[in-house]
């Protein structure tokens, strides 16, 4: 069976990057769980936190106030930090290879920097 991927454009860099990161995390999970069944719980944690970033960014679009918007993005940032932790744990425990870690970590770090910048800017305007 052939599965194609569509590029979904949200017109917003954080939305697009968090969605693409969620796709990468899902694929990483599917690949990793088939090799390391004993670490299923750890891989499930990174699946939850890594996909939750984009879900919270998407949810922020329907915020009822600026404070609610900041709160949703802050939750996305917390999830990104958690994902960063799980990636480091998997790398430092020699569970994932350097190239996997570097690539996913770079994407995660970019999201952390973007979210941090947006949140700081919004808070300064309150």
C-alpha atoms as a PDB file:
ATOM      1  CA  UNK A   1       0.000   0.000   0.000  1.00  0.00           C
ATOM      2  CA  UNK A   2       1.345   3.410  -0.947  1.00  0.00           C
ATOM      3  CA  UNK A   3       0.783   6.277   1.449  1.00  0.00           C
ATOM      4  CA  UNK A   4       1.478   9.744   0.160  1.00  0.00           C
ATOM      5  CA  UNK A   5       2.128  12.789   2.283  1.00  0.00           C
ATOM      6  CA  UNK A   6       0.494  16.087   1.519  1.00  0.00           C
ATOM      7  CA  UNK A   7       2.180  19.269   2.557  1.00  0.00           C
ATOM      8  CA  UNK A   8      -0.393  21.119   4.595  1.00  0.00           C
ATOM      9  CA  UNK A   9       0.117  24.858   4.651  1.00  0.00           C
ATOM     10  CA  UNK A  10      -1.272  26.724   7.610  1.00  0.00           C
ATOM     11  CA  UNK A  11       0.274  30.043   6.601  1.00  0.00           C
ATOM     12  CA  UNK A  12       1.891  30.263  10.012  1.00  0.00           C
ATOM     13  CA  UNK A  13       5.493  29.122  10.612  1.00  0.00           C
ATOM     14  CA  UNK A  14       4.867  27.793  14.141  1.00  0.00           C
ATOM     15  CA  UNK A  15       1.778  25.872  13.036  1.00  0.00           C
ATOM     16  CA  UNK A  16       3.545  24.409  10.025  1.00  0.00           C
ATOM     17  CA  UNK A  17       6.754  23.526  11.884  1.00  0.00           C
ATOM     18  CA  UNK A  18       4.902  21.970  14.823  1.00  0.00           C
ATOM     19  CA  UNK A  19       2.729  19.927  12.450  1.00  0.00           C
ATOM     20  CA  UNK A  20       5.747  18.696  10.475  1.00  0.00           C
ATOM     21  CA  UNK A  21       7.518  17.883  13.749  1.00  0.00           C
ATOM     22  CA  UNK A  22       4.487  15.855  14.869  1.00  0.00           C
ATOM     23  CA  UNK A  23       4.681  13.854  11.651  1.00  0.00           C
ATOM     24  CA  UNK A  24       8.393  13.193  12.240  1.00  0.00           C
ATOM     25  CA  UNK A  25       7.740  12.129  15.838  1.00  0.00           C
ATOM     26  CA  UNK A  26       4.965   9.766  14.740  1.00  0.00           C
ATOM     27  CA  UNK A  27       7.232   8.178  12.138  1.00  0.00           C
ATOM     28  CA  UNK A  28      10.070   8.008  14.683  1.00  0.00           C
ATOM     29  CA  UNK A  29       7.726   6.254  17.120  1.00  0.00           C
ATOM     30  CA  UNK A  30       6.509   3.730  14.552  1.00  0.00           C
ATOM     31  CA  UNK A  31      10.068   2.938  13.473  1.00  0.00           C
ATOM     32  CA  UNK A  32      11.520   2.789  16.982  1.00  0.00           C
ATOM     33  CA  UNK A  33       8.779   0.746  18.597  1.00  0.00           C
ATOM     34  CA  UNK A  34       9.289  -2.008  16.028  1.00  0.00           C
ATOM     35  CA  UNK A  35      12.977  -2.262  17.016  1.00  0.00           C
ATOM     36  CA  UNK A  36      12.862  -1.679  20.783  1.00  0.00           C
ATOM     37  CA  UNK A  37       9.623  -3.113  22.164  1.00  0.00           C
ATOM     38  CA  UNK A  38      11.022  -3.082  25.712  1.00  0.00           C
ATOM     39  CA  UNK A  39      11.100   0.740  25.652  1.00  0.00           C
ATOM     40  CA  UNK A  40       7.488   1.116  24.542  1.00  0.00           C
ATOM     41  CA  UNK A  41       6.575   3.345  27.500  1.00  0.00           C
ATOM     42  CA  UNK A  42       9.425   5.779  26.818  1.00  0.00           C
ATOM     43  CA  UNK A  43       8.602   5.954  23.114  1.00  0.00           C
ATOM     44  CA  UNK A  44       4.945   6.518  23.971  1.00  0.00           C
ATOM     45  CA  UNK A  45       5.959   9.473  26.168  1.00  0.00           C
ATOM     46  CA  UNK A  46       7.851  11.140  23.333  1.00  0.00           C
ATOM     47  CA  UNK A  47       4.944  10.413  20.987  1.00  0.00           C
ATOM     48  CA  UNK A  48       2.539  12.162  23.357  1.00  0.00           C
ATOM     49  CA  UNK A  49       4.691  15.196  24.083  1.00  0.00           C
ATOM     50  CA  UNK A  50       6.016  15.585  20.532  1.00  0.00           C
ATOM     51  CA  UNK A  51       2.588  15.554  18.922  1.00  0.00           C
ATOM     52  CA  UNK A  52       1.036  17.652  21.681  1.00  0.00           C
ATOM     53  CA  UNK A  53       3.155  20.648  20.672  1.00  0.00           C
ATOM     54  CA  UNK A  54       1.286  21.037  17.400  1.00  0.00           C
ATOM     55  CA  UNK A  55      -2.063  20.195  18.968  1.00  0.00           C
ATOM     56  CA  UNK A  56      -1.663  23.013  21.487  1.00  0.00           C
ATOM     57  CA  UNK A  57      -0.504  25.447  18.814  1.00  0.00           C
ATOM     58  CA  UNK A  58      -3.594  24.542  16.783  1.00  0.00           C
ATOM     59  CA  UNK A  59      -5.802  24.948  19.836  1.00  0.00           C
ATOM     60  CA  UNK A  60      -4.337  28.396  20.492  1.00  0.00           C
ATOM     61  CA  UNK A  61      -5.979  29.654  17.307  1.00  0.00           C
ATOM     62  CA  UNK A  62      -9.352  29.466  19.062  1.00  0.00           C
ATOM     63  CA  UNK A  63      -8.229  31.202  22.235  1.00  0.00           C
ATOM     64  CA  UNK A  64     -10.861  33.400  23.827  1.00  0.00           C
ATOM     65  CA  UNK A  65      -8.384  36.059  24.942  1.00  0.00           C
ATOM     66  CA  UNK A  66      -4.752  37.079  24.630  1.00  0.00           C
ATOM     67  CA  UNK A  67      -4.093  35.492  28.046  1.00  0.00           C
ATOM     68  CA  UNK A  68      -5.692  32.232  26.874  1.00  0.00           C
ATOM     69  CA  UNK A  69      -3.607  32.373  23.686  1.00  0.00           C
ATOM     70  CA  UNK A  70      -0.417  32.802  25.741  1.00  0.00           C
ATOM     71  CA  UNK A  71      -1.491  29.944  28.001  1.00  0.00           C
ATOM     72  CA  UNK A  72      -2.000  27.555  25.070  1.00  0.00           C
ATOM     73  CA  UNK A  73       1.385  28.457  23.593  1.00  0.00           C
ATOM     74  CA  UNK A  74       2.965  28.055  27.039  1.00  0.00           C
ATOM     75  CA  UNK A  75       1.571  24.533  27.216  1.00  0.00           C
ATOM     76  CA  UNK A  76       3.030  23.853  23.750  1.00  0.00           C
ATOM     77  CA  UNK A  77       6.395  25.133  25.033  1.00  0.00           C
ATOM     78  CA  UNK A  78       6.216  22.822  28.067  1.00  0.00           C
ATOM     79  CA  UNK A  79       5.513  19.889  25.759  1.00  0.00           C
ATOM     80  CA  UNK A  80       8.477  20.868  23.586  1.00  0.00           C
ATOM     81  CA  UNK A  81      10.741  20.943  26.654  1.00  0.00           C
ATOM     82  CA  UNK A  82       9.458  17.508  27.670  1.00  0.00           C
ATOM     83  CA  UNK A  83      10.142  16.190  24.176  1.00  0.00           C
ATOM     84  CA  UNK A  84      13.653  17.632  24.407  1.00  0.00           C
ATOM     85  CA  UNK A  85      14.144  15.671  27.654  1.00  0.00           C
ATOM     86  CA  UNK A  86      13.011  12.365  26.133  1.00  0.00           C
ATOM     87  CA  UNK A  87      15.236  12.877  23.092  1.00  0.00           C
ATOM     88  CA  UNK A  88      18.261  13.514  25.327  1.00  0.00           C
ATOM     89  CA  UNK A  89      17.434  10.459  27.433  1.00  0.00           C
ATOM     90  CA  UNK A  90      17.173   8.225  24.384  1.00  0.00           C
ATOM     91  CA  UNK A  91      20.411   9.592  22.976  1.00  0.00           C
ATOM     92  CA  UNK A  92      22.435   9.460  26.190  1.00  0.00           C
ATOM     93  CA  UNK A  93      21.270   5.888  26.837  1.00  0.00           C
ATOM     94  CA  UNK A  94      22.515   4.865  23.356  1.00  0.00           C
ATOM     95  CA  UNK A  95      18.992   4.020  22.260  1.00  0.00           C
ATOM     96  CA  UNK A  96      18.966   6.279  19.224  1.00  0.00           C
ATOM     97  CA  UNK A  97      21.778   7.174  16.873  1.00  0.00           C
ATOM     98  CA  UNK A  98      23.500  10.539  16.755  1.00  0.00           C
ATOM     99  CA  UNK A  99      21.997  11.509  13.398  1.00  0.00           C
ATOM    100  CA  UNK A 100      18.447  10.758  14.611  1.00  0.00           C
ATOM    101  CA  UNK A 101      19.042  12.738  17.770  1.00  0.00           C
ATOM    102  CA  UNK A 102      20.682  15.715  16.049  1.00  0.00           C
ATOM    103  CA  UNK A 103      17.936  16.026  13.458  1.00  0.00           C
ATOM    104  CA  UNK A 104      14.970  15.703  15.838  1.00  0.00           C
ATOM    105  CA  UNK A 105      16.682  17.793  18.497  1.00  0.00           C
ATOM    106  CA  UNK A 106      17.344  20.607  16.029  1.00  0.00           C
ATOM    107  CA  UNK A 107      13.660  20.687  15.040  1.00  0.00           C
ATOM    108  CA  UNK A 108      12.579  20.607  18.668  1.00  0.00           C
ATOM    109  CA  UNK A 109      15.015  23.378  19.590  1.00  0.00           C
ATOM    110  CA  UNK A 110      13.706  25.530  16.752  1.00  0.00           C
ATOM    111  CA  UNK A 111      10.161  25.129  18.064  1.00  0.00           C
ATOM    112  CA  UNK A 112      11.306  25.994  21.597  1.00  0.00           C
ATOM    113  CA  UNK A 113      13.004  29.159  20.348  1.00  0.00           C
ATOM    114  CA  UNK A 114       9.995  30.204  18.257  1.00  0.00           C
ATOM    115  CA  UNK A 115       7.495  29.589  21.033  1.00  0.00           C
ATOM    116  CA  UNK A 116       9.671  31.329  23.619  1.00  0.00           C
ATOM    117  CA  UNK A 117      10.026  34.370  21.393  1.00  0.00           C
ATOM    118  CA  UNK A 118       6.299  34.578  20.674  1.00  0.00           C
ATOM    119  CA  UNK A 119       5.367  34.193  24.341  1.00  0.00           C
ATOM    120  CA  UNK A 120       7.895  36.815  25.487  1.00  0.00           C
ATOM    121  CA  UNK A 121       6.698  39.274  22.853  1.00  0.00           C
ATOM    122  CA  UNK A 122       3.033  38.762  23.743  1.00  0.00           C
ATOM    123  CA  UNK A 123       3.689  39.079  27.483  1.00  0.00           C
ATOM    124  CA  UNK A 124       5.566  42.328  26.957  1.00  0.00           C
ATOM    125  CA  UNK A 125       2.489  43.771  25.233  1.00  0.00           C
ATOM    126  CA  UNK A 126       0.071  42.939  28.059  1.00  0.00           C
END
